[in-house]
């Protein structure tokens, strides 16, 4: 099995442009998408996106999440304040999300690593080193402070 995985934190909004999000949050994003920039019928993307991404190979999901959160932790209150100020259920929406994406059959994914010599046991099939992950208290606190949801997409 070859696994390709990445993590990103996104701010999605109808009304605030990515450069305005950058000014409010105080961190340059890794990726942006401008509402309607790829097509008008149907509108793609449907919202503006501002993203901090970790797609570094060799890291587990929790390590990738940790890298994203460490980049943003000092700005968590600013992100939460942005959501509180601009989110209007009857109008513009501001959504924050920590997104995990995993593809278990990716041609460009990572192969499992063999059991290191002298480890004392042999891994069985299906025990890929990238399987399994967790969220620690710091990440859970960050999600709460930024009003973010956790979304996990797995393909295979």
Foldseek 3Di string as FASTA:
>chain_A
DFKFKKKKKKKWKAPAAQVNVCVQQVDAAPDWDPWQPPHVVVIPPNTIIGMHMDRDPPDAPQVRLVVNCVVRVVRLLSLQVVQVVPDDPVDMHIAIEIEMEMEPDDPPGHDADWDDPPPPDGDDPPPRPRPDDDDDPSSVVSCVSNVYYYYYHYHD
